[in-house]
């Protein structure tokens, strides 16, 4: 059986589902596109939900109108972390075996473990886990704790992998190689492309995990099949970033190495003129 899974950094569920801006309309079009893919699992990062139960319930009601055949679990940023920051969510089809849901804390520094950055679903034959990796920040102010996070996250995935194969997705906030970014030479000191972040991601792959996009598309740079962009993020404030294909590949589906040969497809999902993150589809 082939399973379809989708991961997307939505950059605010509220803005996508209840906003009335032009960008909100574009985001809603992406939600509809994902619905039409009928994924078995949908992982969402940067939900920006908070502890306002009434508002959150309104947002969730709007979302589930698009996904009535799914169960939903989510995690918010909690004190001492910033309110309404980060956050993750997973939806899974009701006709799947009911997974055990966990909300991992991995021993990360600062407030990272309280920012709602990870959810894991344990199915009978595998783990599906999503992550919103902390950004090193402007001026790389969070680069050191980000490095500790990377070490803790790698140890967590390795522990899961001992028990069952792992499908790990999300916004990893790193472009691994120079072919994963449109302008590598001018970004070696930028958050998401420092030597440290790239090295840590390499260590994650070396620990037994496969970058499924590269498994399918090899060393594709800039574009793959029929001039489709390889990039998963285009700067929202740079009006021509998408038109010029000036992007970064920072969102991934990773699998345990022993599942890699089962991957049939991994690719960004078209979002039209909307800049920011693109959803990533995996078929396995």
Protein backbone atom coordinates (compact mmCIF):
# COMPACT_ATOMS: atom_id res chain seq x y z
CA UNK A 1 0.00 0.00 0.00
CA UNK A 2 1.25 3.49 -0.88
CA UNK A 3 0.82 6.17 1.76
CA UNK A 4 0.74 9.92 1.12
CA UNK A 5 1.99 12.32 3.78
CA UNK A 6 2.29 16.11 3.67
CA UNK A 7 4.25 18.54 5.83
CA UNK A 8 3.79 22.32 5.79
CA UNK A 9 4.97 25.33 7.78
CA UNK A 10 1.78 27.36 7.50
CA UNK A 11 3.03 30.48 9.35
CA UNK A 12 -0.20 30.98 11.35
CA UNK A 13 -3.33 28.90 11.09
CA UNK A 14 -5.38 31.92 12.04
CA UNK A 15 -4.09 34.01 9.14
CA UNK A 16 -4.67 31.19 6.68
CA UNK A 17 -8.15 30.18 7.82
CA UNK A 18 -9.73 33.34 9.20
CA UNK A 19 -7.71 36.17 7.69
CA UNK A 20 -9.15 38.41 5.00
CA UNK A 21 -5.92 39.53 3.35
CA UNK A 22 -4.79 38.65 -0.15
CA UNK A 23 -2.09 36.43 1.35
CA UNK A 24 -4.71 34.72 3.51
CA UNK A 25 -6.65 33.83 0.38
CA UNK A 26 -3.51 32.36 -1.18
CA UNK A 27 -2.90 30.34 1.98
CA UNK A 28 -6.45 29.03 1.93
CA UNK A 29 -5.90 27.88 -1.66
CA UNK A 30 -2.95 25.82 -0.39
CA UNK A 31 -5.11 24.27 2.33
CA UNK A 32 -7.57 23.23 -0.38
CA UNK A 33 -4.76 21.78 -2.50
CA UNK A 34 -3.56 19.68 0.44
CA UNK A 35 -7.10 18.48 1.13
CA UNK A 36 -7.37 17.34 -2.50
CA UNK A 37 -4.20 15.26 -2.08
CA UNK A 38 -6.09 13.23 0.54
CA UNK A 39 -2.99 12.60 2.69
CA UNK A 40 -2.90 9.87 5.31
CA UNK A 41 -1.05 12.27 7.62
CA UNK A 42 -0.73 16.05 7.51
CA UNK A 43 1.90 17.72 9.70
CA UNK A 44 1.75 21.48 10.24
CA UNK A 45 4.41 23.70 11.78
CA UNK A 46 4.30 27.27 13.09
CA UNK A 47 0.62 27.15 13.90
CA UNK A 48 0.93 30.10 16.32
CA UNK A 49 -2.03 28.88 18.36
CA UNK A 50 -2.20 30.01 21.98
CA UNK A 51 -4.09 29.26 25.17
CA UNK A 52 -7.14 31.34 24.20
CA UNK A 53 -9.45 28.35 24.09
CA UNK A 54 -12.33 30.14 22.38
CA UNK A 55 -10.17 31.52 19.59
CA UNK A 56 -8.36 28.21 19.14
CA UNK A 57 -11.63 26.31 18.94
CA UNK A 58 -12.82 28.69 16.21
CA UNK A 59 -9.62 28.14 14.22
CA UNK A 60 -9.81 24.36 14.64
CA UNK A 61 -13.45 24.29 13.58
CA UNK A 62 -12.54 26.16 10.40
CA UNK A 63 -9.66 23.77 9.70
CA UNK A 64 -11.63 20.59 10.28
CA UNK A 65 -14.27 21.65 7.79
CA UNK A 66 -11.61 20.87 5.20
CA UNK A 67 -10.54 17.64 6.91
CA UNK A 68 -13.68 16.04 8.39
CA UNK A 69 -12.29 12.51 8.09
CA UNK A 70 -9.27 13.24 10.28
CA UNK A 71 -8.31 13.31 13.92
CA UNK A 72 -6.32 16.35 15.06
CA UNK A 73 -3.67 16.82 17.74
CA UNK A 74 -1.68 19.97 18.42
CA UNK A 75 0.80 21.54 20.76
CA UNK A 76 1.23 25.19 21.73
CA UNK A 77 4.03 27.26 23.18
CA UNK A 78 3.72 27.35 26.97
CA UNK A 79 5.38 29.36 29.77
CA UNK A 80 8.16 30.17 30.19
CA UNK A 81 8.21 30.30 26.38
CA UNK A 82 6.56 33.09 24.45
CA UNK A 83 2.77 32.95 24.03
CA UNK A 84 1.46 32.27 20.53
CA UNK A 85 4.91 31.27 19.25
CA UNK A 86 5.93 28.30 17.10
CA UNK A 87 3.52 25.38 17.71
CA UNK A 88 2.89 22.17 15.77
CA UNK A 89 -0.09 20.06 14.72
CA UNK A 90 -0.75 16.68 13.13
CA UNK A 91 -3.86 15.36 11.41
CA UNK A 92 -4.28 11.68 10.61
CA UNK A 93 -7.04 9.82 8.84
CA UNK A 94 -9.63 8.22 11.09
CA UNK A 95 -9.44 4.97 9.15
CA UNK A 96 -5.77 4.47 10.07
CA UNK A 97 -4.82 2.41 13.11
CA UNK A 98 -5.11 4.78 16.05
CA UNK A 99 -1.60 5.99 16.90
CA UNK A 100 -0.13 6.70 20.30
CA UNK A 101 0.51 10.44 20.45
CA UNK A 102 3.45 11.94 22.34
CA UNK A 103 4.65 15.50 22.78
CA UNK A 104 8.40 15.05 23.22
CA UNK A 105 10.67 17.12 25.37
CA UNK A 106 14.20 16.28 24.33
CA UNK A 107 16.33 18.10 26.92
CA UNK A 108 16.84 21.14 24.70
CA UNK A 109 18.24 24.40 26.12
CA UNK A 110 16.61 27.77 26.71
CA UNK A 111 12.80 27.57 26.34
CA UNK A 112 12.96 25.37 23.24
CA UNK A 113 11.26 22.37 24.85
CA UNK A 114 8.33 24.60 25.84
CA UNK A 115 7.75 26.12 22.40
CA UNK A 116 5.54 23.31 21.09
CA UNK A 117 8.04 22.21 18.46
CA UNK A 118 7.49 18.44 18.21
CA UNK A 119 4.71 15.86 17.99
CA UNK A 120 5.17 12.13 17.36
CA UNK A 121 2.61 9.56 16.23
CA UNK A 122 3.45 5.93 16.90
CA UNK A 123 1.69 3.60 14.47
CA UNK A 124 1.98 -0.20 14.63
CA UNK A 125 4.80 -0.30 12.07
CA UNK A 126 6.48 3.12 12.23
CA UNK A 127 6.82 6.50 13.89
CA UNK A 128 5.73 9.68 12.11
CA UNK A 129 7.17 12.74 13.80
CA UNK A 130 7.15 16.43 12.96
CA UNK A 131 9.50 19.20 14.05
CA UNK A 132 9.76 22.95 13.83
CA UNK A 133 13.48 23.42 14.41
CA UNK A 134 14.47 26.62 16.23
CA UNK A 135 15.89 29.37 14.02
CA UNK A 136 19.37 30.61 14.88
CA UNK A 137 17.93 34.11 14.70
CA UNK A 138 18.99 37.53 13.53
CA UNK A 139 22.67 38.03 14.25
CA UNK A 140 22.86 34.28 15.05
CA UNK A 141 21.90 35.08 18.65
CA UNK A 142 20.45 31.58 19.09
CA UNK A 143 23.07 29.64 17.16
CA UNK A 144 24.68 28.00 20.20
CA UNK A 145 21.42 26.69 21.73
CA UNK A 146 20.31 25.71 18.24
CA UNK A 147 23.37 23.47 18.06
CA UNK A 148 22.39 21.83 21.35
CA UNK A 149 18.87 21.34 20.00
CA UNK A 150 20.27 19.59 16.92
CA UNK A 151 22.24 17.18 19.12
CA UNK A 152 19.20 16.44 21.30
CA UNK A 153 16.93 15.95 18.29
CA UNK A 154 19.38 13.57 16.63
CA UNK A 155 19.58 11.49 19.81
CA UNK A 156 15.77 11.42 19.98
CA UNK A 157 15.37 10.16 16.41
CA UNK A 158 18.08 7.54 16.90
CA UNK A 159 16.24 6.26 19.97
CA UNK A 160 12.99 5.96 18.02
CA UNK A 161 14.77 4.23 15.17
CA UNK A 162 15.96 1.44 17.43
CA UNK A 163 12.32 0.50 18.04
CA UNK A 164 10.64 1.15 14.67
CA UNK A 165 11.39 2.90 11.37
CA UNK A 166 10.92 6.66 11.42
CA UNK A 167 9.35 9.17 9.06
CA UNK A 168 10.47 12.62 10.21
CA UNK A 169 9.23 15.84 8.64
CA UNK A 170 9.12 19.53 9.17
CA UNK A 171 10.82 22.87 8.87
CA UNK A 172 14.42 22.00 9.79
CA UNK A 173 15.59 25.59 9.25
CA UNK A 174 18.73 24.55 7.37
CA UNK A 175 19.77 24.28 3.75
CA UNK A 176 22.13 21.33 3.88
CA UNK A 177 24.32 21.79 0.80
CA UNK A 178 25.15 24.64 -1.55
CA UNK A 179 22.76 23.14 -4.12
CA UNK A 180 19.94 23.60 -1.58
CA UNK A 181 20.06 27.40 -1.74
CA UNK A 182 19.95 29.81 -4.65
CA UNK A 183 22.70 32.13 -3.40
CA UNK A 184 25.13 30.12 -1.26
CA UNK A 185 28.12 32.45 -1.47
CA UNK A 186 26.34 35.40 0.14
CA UNK A 187 24.68 33.35 2.90
CA UNK A 188 27.46 31.42 4.65
CA UNK A 189 26.95 33.54 7.77
CA UNK A 190 23.15 33.61 7.59
CA UNK A 191 20.86 31.69 9.93
CA UNK A 192 20.02 28.40 8.27
CA UNK A 193 23.24 28.16 6.26
CA UNK A 194 26.04 28.42 8.77
CA UNK A 195 28.74 25.75 8.82
CA UNK A 196 27.47 24.57 12.21
CA UNK A 197 23.86 24.07 11.14
CA UNK A 198 24.83 22.33 7.92
CA UNK A 199 27.27 20.06 9.74
CA UNK A 200 24.67 19.12 12.35
CA UNK A 201 22.17 18.20 9.62
CA UNK A 202 24.84 16.07 7.98
CA UNK A 203 25.38 14.31 11.30
CA UNK A 204 21.64 13.60 11.46
CA UNK A 205 21.72 11.95 8.04
CA UNK A 206 24.85 10.01 8.99
CA UNK A 207 22.99 8.69 12.06
CA UNK A 208 20.80 6.54 9.82
CA UNK A 209 18.37 8.83 8.01
CA UNK A 210 17.74 9.63 4.35
CA UNK A 211 16.82 12.97 2.78
CA UNK A 212 14.04 11.62 0.58
CA UNK A 213 14.03 14.51 -1.88
CA UNK A 214 17.68 13.80 -2.69
CA UNK A 215 16.95 10.06 -2.79
CA UNK A 216 14.43 10.68 -5.58
CA UNK A 217 15.93 13.67 -7.38
CA UNK A 218 19.65 13.23 -6.87
CA UNK A 219 21.75 16.40 -7.20
CA UNK A 220 19.02 18.52 -8.79
CA UNK A 221 19.91 22.19 -8.33
CA UNK A 222 17.50 25.06 -8.84
CA UNK A 223 14.90 22.99 -10.65
CA UNK A 224 13.80 19.37 -11.02
CA UNK A 225 11.22 17.71 -13.29
CA UNK A 226 10.05 20.10 -16.02
CA UNK A 227 11.39 23.26 -14.43
CA UNK A 228 9.74 22.79 -11.04
CA UNK A 229 11.63 24.55 -8.26
CA UNK A 230 13.47 22.44 -5.71
CA UNK A 231 13.09 25.14 -3.04
CA UNK A 232 10.64 24.99 -0.15
CA UNK A 233 10.93 28.57 1.13
CA UNK A 234 10.90 31.96 -0.58
CA UNK A 235 11.34 35.16 1.39
CA UNK A 236 7.93 36.72 1.83
CA UNK A 237 9.26 40.27 1.89
CA UNK A 238 11.29 39.87 -1.30
CA UNK A 239 8.63 40.44 -3.94
CA UNK A 240 10.62 38.78 -6.73
CA UNK A 241 12.05 35.86 -4.73
CA UNK A 242 9.72 33.28 -6.22
CA UNK A 243 9.65 34.72 -9.72
CA UNK A 244 13.46 34.60 -9.74
CA UNK A 245 13.59 31.16 -8.07
CA UNK A 246 15.70 32.67 -5.31
CA UNK A 247 14.82 30.23 -2.55
CA UNK A 248 16.03 27.80 0.10
CA UNK A 249 15.31 24.10 0.60
CA UNK A 250 14.82 23.92 4.37
CA UNK A 251 11.75 21.66 4.72
CA UNK A 252 12.26 17.91 4.55
CA UNK A 253 10.89 14.43 4.75
CA UNK A 254 13.51 12.11 6.26
CA UNK A 255 13.13 8.37 6.60
CA UNK A 256 15.10 5.70 8.38
CA UNK A 257 17.63 4.42 5.88
CA UNK A 258 15.93 1.02 5.76
CA UNK A 259 12.77 2.63 4.34
CA UNK A 260 14.49 4.78 1.73
CA UNK A 261 14.03 2.34 -1.16
CA UNK A 262 10.27 2.39 -0.58
CA UNK A 263 9.99 6.12 -1.32
CA UNK A 264 8.08 6.74 -4.55
CA UNK A 265 7.92 10.55 -4.51
CA UNK A 266 9.06 13.55 -2.51
CA UNK A 267 8.46 17.04 -3.82
CA UNK A 268 7.22 20.52 -2.95
CA UNK A 269 3.53 21.19 -3.55
CA UNK A 270 2.75 24.12 -5.85
CA UNK A 271 1.52 27.24 -4.01
CA UNK A 272 1.06 29.57 -6.96
CA UNK A 273 2.24 33.11 -6.27
CA UNK A 274 2.28 32.64 -2.47
CA UNK A 275 5.75 33.12 -1.03
CA UNK A 276 7.02 31.65 2.27
CA UNK A 277 7.03 27.86 2.84
CA UNK A 278 5.72 25.27 0.40
CA UNK A 279 4.17 22.01 1.62
CA UNK A 280 6.27 18.89 1.05
CA UNK A 281 4.63 15.70 -0.21
CA UNK A 282 5.95 12.21 0.47
CA UNK A 283 4.63 9.02 -1.10
CA UNK A 284 6.00 5.81 0.35
